[in-house]
Each structure stands twice: as C-alpha cells, then as structure tokens.
C-alpha cells in the first residue's frame, strides 16, 4: 500500500463534509442475457409452520460466477436496492458495514466476494487559530487492514465490516471495492473536519470502487 501521505485540511472550527459518493447520473441497468439468468428458490421464512412447509416460486437471478472484475463491478454498481429509493444500490457500505439488499429480480445467484480496505486518518495541528486566520491541520492515511467478505445472495449485513470510530485526533476511511488494491493516491485529498460523529459517504477514485465511508476525527483542538 505504500507509505502514509500527508494532506492539508483548511478548517476553521468544524466544517461540514460536502463530498459525497455516487453523484454520477444513473444509467439504465443493463439487461441480463438469457444465458446469464438462472433461478433460485428462496428458503421459507422462520415463521412458516413445520407441519405445512411452503415453497417460494422460483425467481430469476444473475449468474456472476465467471464474470471478470470489470463485469462484476459494473453489475454491482447497477444493482439497485429493493427499497426503491432514488439512486440506492443493492450492495453498499453504510454506518453498519456492508449491506446487501438488492431488488428481487436481478440479485446474484451466488454470494459475491468484496474487498474492504480501512485506513486511519491521523490529524495534527500545524498552526494555531488567530483573530484573522483559522487553525491549520495536516492529515495522513495509515492502512489498518484489507479483508475479503462474501455478501448475498440473500439479504443481510456482513458482520465485522462497520467503519472504525473516530477519536480526538483520528478518524477513518473504509472502502469497499473489487480488483486491485486501492493506492493511497486515490484516497480523498480534500477531507474536512465534520461536526458529526457518524460515518458519511465520500468519493474514492478507482474503477473497482463500490462505496466508501468517512468518519471524521472528533475534537481536534489538542492535536
């Protein structure tokens, strides 16, 4: 992953984080060809009486086994959430970690493997605030770990994937992606200190990036 990189944060007190991910215009979801479609049968829910089991009707799914990294990335970016919310995705990274809730008719037939890279964002004050100038801070990235996780084909959250919490002088960035590891040069260069303790979406460059979350450091006056 290389050594840590330093960046400047032009911050007064605590600026709101403005950078969000997924701001490109939606494209119509690509239609799977007949050869890509298969069927799976959903298991009966836990409330189904044992003495009268039910079998759900077969539902179309997309065969992802054998897809290239580029094909799988495109498919997952176009896979919409079953919630129906505007621009929502079926596989995303949120405040609880990797969350898999795709629409019913285009979910994958098998689990997909996604990488998760997590970084500390370490903050250091380099200039005190004055009556006319704000305080100045530097930050640098330090890799925590890179792990691989299976998501799907059924709905659910992936355990142990929640973004690490922040502290007084330390925040974090988590990136869900496919393919080659994320170079630090692709991480955001314009992070700001945010007056929020919860993870917020950010944009990370890279063809295989699916989703990214940023946790801002908390009080940085003593950093």
Protein backbone atom coordinates (compact mmCIF):
# COMPACT_ATOMS: atom_id res chain seq x y z
CA UNK A 1 0.00 0.00 0.00
CA UNK A 2 3.00 2.29 0.36
CA UNK A 3 3.85 4.82 2.99
CA UNK A 4 1.42 7.30 4.51
CA UNK A 5 0.61 10.53 2.64
CA UNK A 6 0.08 13.98 4.11
CA UNK A 7 -2.59 16.47 3.12
CA UNK A 8 -3.74 19.87 4.36
CA UNK A 9 -7.17 20.47 5.87
CA UNK A 10 -8.20 24.14 5.60
CA UNK A 11 -10.56 24.10 8.59
CA UNK A 12 -11.85 26.75 10.95
CA UNK A 13 -13.90 25.23 13.74
CA UNK A 14 -15.54 22.20 12.16
CA UNK A 15 -16.68 22.34 8.57
CA UNK A 16 -19.48 20.14 7.26
CA UNK A 17 -18.37 17.36 4.96
CA UNK A 18 -19.50 18.21 1.45
CA UNK A 19 -18.04 15.41 -0.63
CA UNK A 20 -20.45 12.57 -1.28
CA UNK A 21 -20.14 9.43 -3.32
CA UNK A 22 -22.25 8.18 -6.18
CA UNK A 23 -23.00 11.54 -7.77
CA UNK A 24 -22.83 10.44 -11.37
CA UNK A 25 -26.05 10.28 -13.30
CA UNK A 26 -27.88 6.98 -13.26
CA UNK A 27 -27.63 4.79 -16.29
CA UNK A 28 -30.33 2.29 -17.16
CA UNK A 29 -29.50 -1.07 -15.62
CA UNK A 30 -28.08 -3.44 -18.20
CA UNK A 31 -30.44 -6.30 -19.04
CA UNK A 32 -29.00 -9.75 -18.46
CA UNK A 33 -29.00 -12.02 -21.47
CA UNK A 34 -30.93 -15.30 -21.21
CA UNK A 35 -27.64 -17.16 -20.73
CA UNK A 36 -26.88 -15.04 -17.63
CA UNK A 37 -30.18 -15.80 -15.91
CA UNK A 38 -30.74 -18.72 -13.59
CA UNK A 39 -33.21 -19.49 -10.83
CA UNK A 40 -33.01 -19.99 -7.10
CA UNK A 41 -35.73 -20.83 -4.62
CA UNK A 42 -35.91 -18.68 -1.51
CA UNK A 43 -35.98 -20.62 1.75
CA UNK A 44 -39.25 -20.43 3.75
CA UNK A 45 -39.22 -17.77 6.47
CA UNK A 46 -38.75 -18.79 10.13
CA UNK A 47 -42.45 -18.23 10.84
CA UNK A 48 -43.52 -20.99 8.41
CA UNK A 49 -45.21 -23.87 10.36
CA UNK A 50 -43.13 -27.05 10.25
CA UNK A 51 -46.15 -29.21 9.56
CA UNK A 52 -47.11 -27.33 6.41
CA UNK A 53 -43.92 -26.15 4.65
CA UNK A 54 -44.24 -23.77 1.73
CA UNK A 55 -42.01 -23.41 -1.30
CA UNK A 56 -41.48 -19.96 -2.80
CA UNK A 57 -41.87 -19.57 -6.52
CA UNK A 58 -38.56 -19.56 -8.46
CA UNK A 59 -37.13 -16.09 -9.02
CA UNK A 60 -34.73 -15.01 -11.75
CA UNK A 61 -31.18 -14.27 -10.64
CA UNK A 62 -27.94 -13.34 -12.40
CA UNK A 63 -25.05 -15.80 -12.62
CA UNK A 64 -21.95 -13.90 -11.51
CA UNK A 65 -19.59 -16.86 -11.37
CA UNK A 66 -17.02 -16.43 -14.13
CA UNK A 67 -17.56 -12.68 -14.53
CA UNK A 68 -14.42 -10.58 -14.90
CA UNK A 69 -13.66 -7.90 -12.32
CA UNK A 70 -14.90 -5.24 -14.76
CA UNK A 71 -18.15 -7.12 -15.46
CA UNK A 72 -18.84 -7.79 -11.78
CA UNK A 73 -18.06 -4.17 -10.85
CA UNK A 74 -20.48 -2.87 -13.49
CA UNK A 75 -23.16 -5.32 -12.40
CA UNK A 76 -22.88 -4.40 -8.70
CA UNK A 77 -22.84 -0.66 -9.44
CA UNK A 78 -26.04 -1.05 -11.48
CA UNK A 79 -27.73 -3.40 -8.98
CA UNK A 80 -30.46 -1.33 -7.38
CA UNK A 81 -31.74 -1.63 -3.83
CA UNK A 82 -35.04 -3.32 -3.18
CA UNK A 83 -36.11 -0.25 -1.19
CA UNK A 84 -36.87 1.64 -4.38
CA UNK A 85 -35.08 4.75 -3.08
CA UNK A 86 -33.64 7.06 -5.74
CA UNK A 87 -30.06 6.12 -6.71
CA UNK A 88 -29.89 3.46 -3.98
CA UNK A 89 -27.65 0.45 -4.53
CA UNK A 90 -28.20 -3.19 -3.66
CA UNK A 91 -24.71 -3.56 -2.17
CA UNK A 92 -23.34 -0.61 -0.27
CA UNK A 93 -21.16 0.35 2.67
CA UNK A 94 -23.01 2.29 5.35
CA UNK A 95 -22.65 3.11 9.04
CA UNK A 96 -23.20 -0.55 9.98
CA UNK A 97 -20.87 -2.01 7.34
CA UNK A 98 -21.53 -3.86 4.10
CA UNK A 99 -25.28 -4.02 3.48
CA UNK A 100 -26.81 -6.31 0.82
CA UNK A 101 -30.46 -5.55 -0.06
CA UNK A 102 -30.87 -5.83 -3.86
CA UNK A 103 -34.02 -5.76 -5.94
CA UNK A 104 -35.71 -9.13 -6.27
CA UNK A 105 -35.27 -9.90 -9.97
CA UNK A 106 -31.57 -9.13 -10.53
CA UNK A 107 -29.88 -10.40 -7.39
CA UNK A 108 -26.85 -12.68 -7.90
CA UNK A 109 -27.37 -16.43 -7.84
CA UNK A 110 -24.38 -16.89 -5.53
CA UNK A 111 -22.51 -14.84 -2.95
CA UNK A 112 -20.11 -12.21 -4.30
CA UNK A 113 -16.72 -11.52 -2.69
CA UNK A 114 -15.92 -7.89 -1.94
CA UNK A 115 -12.71 -6.41 -0.55
CA UNK A 116 -12.77 -3.91 2.31
CA UNK A 117 -9.81 -1.59 2.96
CA UNK A 118 -9.75 0.50 6.13
CA UNK A 119 -7.45 3.43 6.90
CA UNK A 120 -6.83 5.66 9.89
CA UNK A 121 -6.97 9.37 9.15
CA UNK A 122 -4.48 10.88 11.59
CA UNK A 123 -4.73 14.63 12.23
CA UNK A 124 -2.10 17.03 13.54
CA UNK A 125 -2.49 20.76 14.14
CA UNK A 126 0.22 22.73 12.35
CA UNK A 127 -0.99 26.31 13.04
CA UNK A 128 -2.98 27.81 15.88
CA UNK A 129 -6.02 29.92 15.12
CA UNK A 130 -5.67 33.70 15.39
CA UNK A 131 -8.13 36.57 15.26
CA UNK A 132 -7.83 36.67 11.47
CA UNK A 133 -6.80 33.14 10.43
CA UNK A 134 -8.27 29.73 11.23
CA UNK A 135 -6.30 26.85 12.70
CA UNK A 136 -4.49 24.67 10.19
CA UNK A 137 -4.25 20.88 10.25
CA UNK A 138 -2.40 18.17 8.36
CA UNK A 139 -3.72 14.64 7.97
CA UNK A 140 -2.20 11.41 6.76
CA UNK A 141 -3.52 7.95 5.93
CA UNK A 142 -2.32 4.79 7.67
CA UNK A 143 -3.57 1.40 6.46
CA UNK A 144 -5.40 -0.62 9.13
CA UNK A 145 -6.16 -3.77 7.13
CA UNK A 146 -7.57 -5.25 3.91
CA UNK A 147 -10.10 -8.07 4.24
CA UNK A 148 -12.37 -10.04 1.90
CA UNK A 149 -16.06 -10.64 2.65
CA UNK A 150 -18.89 -12.58 0.99
CA UNK A 151 -22.23 -10.81 0.50
CA UNK A 152 -25.50 -12.36 -0.67
CA UNK A 153 -27.23 -13.95 -2.36
CA UNK A 154 -29.84 -13.38 0.36
CA UNK A 155 -30.37 -10.02 2.07
CA UNK A 156 -28.35 -9.12 5.13
CA UNK A 157 -25.50 -7.19 6.70
CA UNK A 158 -21.97 -8.59 6.66
CA UNK A 159 -20.56 -8.91 10.21
CA UNK A 160 -17.37 -7.12 11.29
CA UNK A 161 -17.41 -4.57 8.46
CA UNK A 162 -18.54 -1.41 10.27
CA UNK A 163 -16.28 1.65 9.79
CA UNK A 164 -13.87 2.20 12.73
CA UNK A 165 -14.93 5.00 15.05
CA UNK A 166 -13.10 8.28 15.39
CA UNK A 167 -11.21 9.78 18.34
CA UNK A 168 -9.89 13.24 19.20
CA UNK A 169 -7.09 13.20 16.61
CA UNK A 170 -8.01 10.21 14.49
CA UNK A 171 -10.77 9.40 12.00
CA UNK A 172 -11.09 6.61 9.45
CA UNK A 173 -11.95 5.80 5.84
CA UNK A 174 -13.40 2.46 4.72
CA UNK A 175 -13.52 1.48 1.03
CA UNK A 176 -15.46 -1.45 -0.49
CA UNK A 177 -14.02 -2.45 -3.87
CA UNK A 178 -13.14 -5.19 -6.34
CA UNK A 179 -9.90 -5.94 -8.17
CA UNK A 180 -6.52 -4.35 -7.46
CA UNK A 181 -5.85 -2.78 -4.07
CA UNK A 182 -6.54 0.94 -3.69
CA UNK A 183 -3.38 3.10 -3.97
CA UNK A 184 -3.22 5.86 -1.39
CA UNK A 185 -3.03 8.37 -4.23
CA UNK A 186 -6.68 7.50 -4.98
CA UNK A 187 -7.91 8.39 -1.50
CA UNK A 188 -9.62 11.78 -1.00
CA UNK A 189 -7.29 14.77 -0.92
CA UNK A 190 -9.89 17.28 0.29
CA UNK A 191 -11.23 15.79 3.53
CA UNK A 192 -12.62 18.24 6.06
CA UNK A 193 -13.29 18.03 9.75
CA UNK A 194 -17.02 17.46 10.18
CA UNK A 195 -19.15 18.27 13.20
CA UNK A 196 -20.71 14.81 13.16
CA UNK A 197 -19.75 11.56 14.87
CA UNK A 198 -21.38 9.28 12.29
CA UNK A 199 -19.85 7.88 9.07
CA UNK A 200 -20.66 9.84 5.91
CA UNK A 201 -20.19 8.84 2.24
CA UNK A 202 -17.13 10.07 0.36
CA UNK A 203 -15.86 9.58 -3.17
CA UNK A 204 -12.77 7.46 -3.74
CA UNK A 205 -11.23 7.25 -7.21
CA UNK A 206 -10.88 3.85 -8.87
CA UNK A 207 -12.71 1.72 -11.42
CA UNK A 208 -13.38 -1.07 -8.91
CA UNK A 209 -14.59 1.13 -6.03
CA UNK A 210 -18.16 0.34 -4.95
CA UNK A 211 -18.63 2.50 -1.86
CA UNK A 212 -16.63 4.46 0.75
CA UNK A 213 -17.35 5.94 4.19
CA UNK A 214 -15.50 8.59 6.20
CA UNK A 215 -15.53 9.02 9.97
CA UNK A 216 -14.23 12.46 10.96
CA UNK A 217 -11.95 12.95 13.97
CA UNK A 218 -13.83 14.39 16.93
CA UNK A 219 -12.37 17.25 18.97
CA UNK A 220 -9.03 18.22 17.40
CA UNK A 221 -8.12 21.26 19.47
CA UNK A 222 -5.49 19.29 21.41
CA UNK A 223 -3.97 17.53 18.40
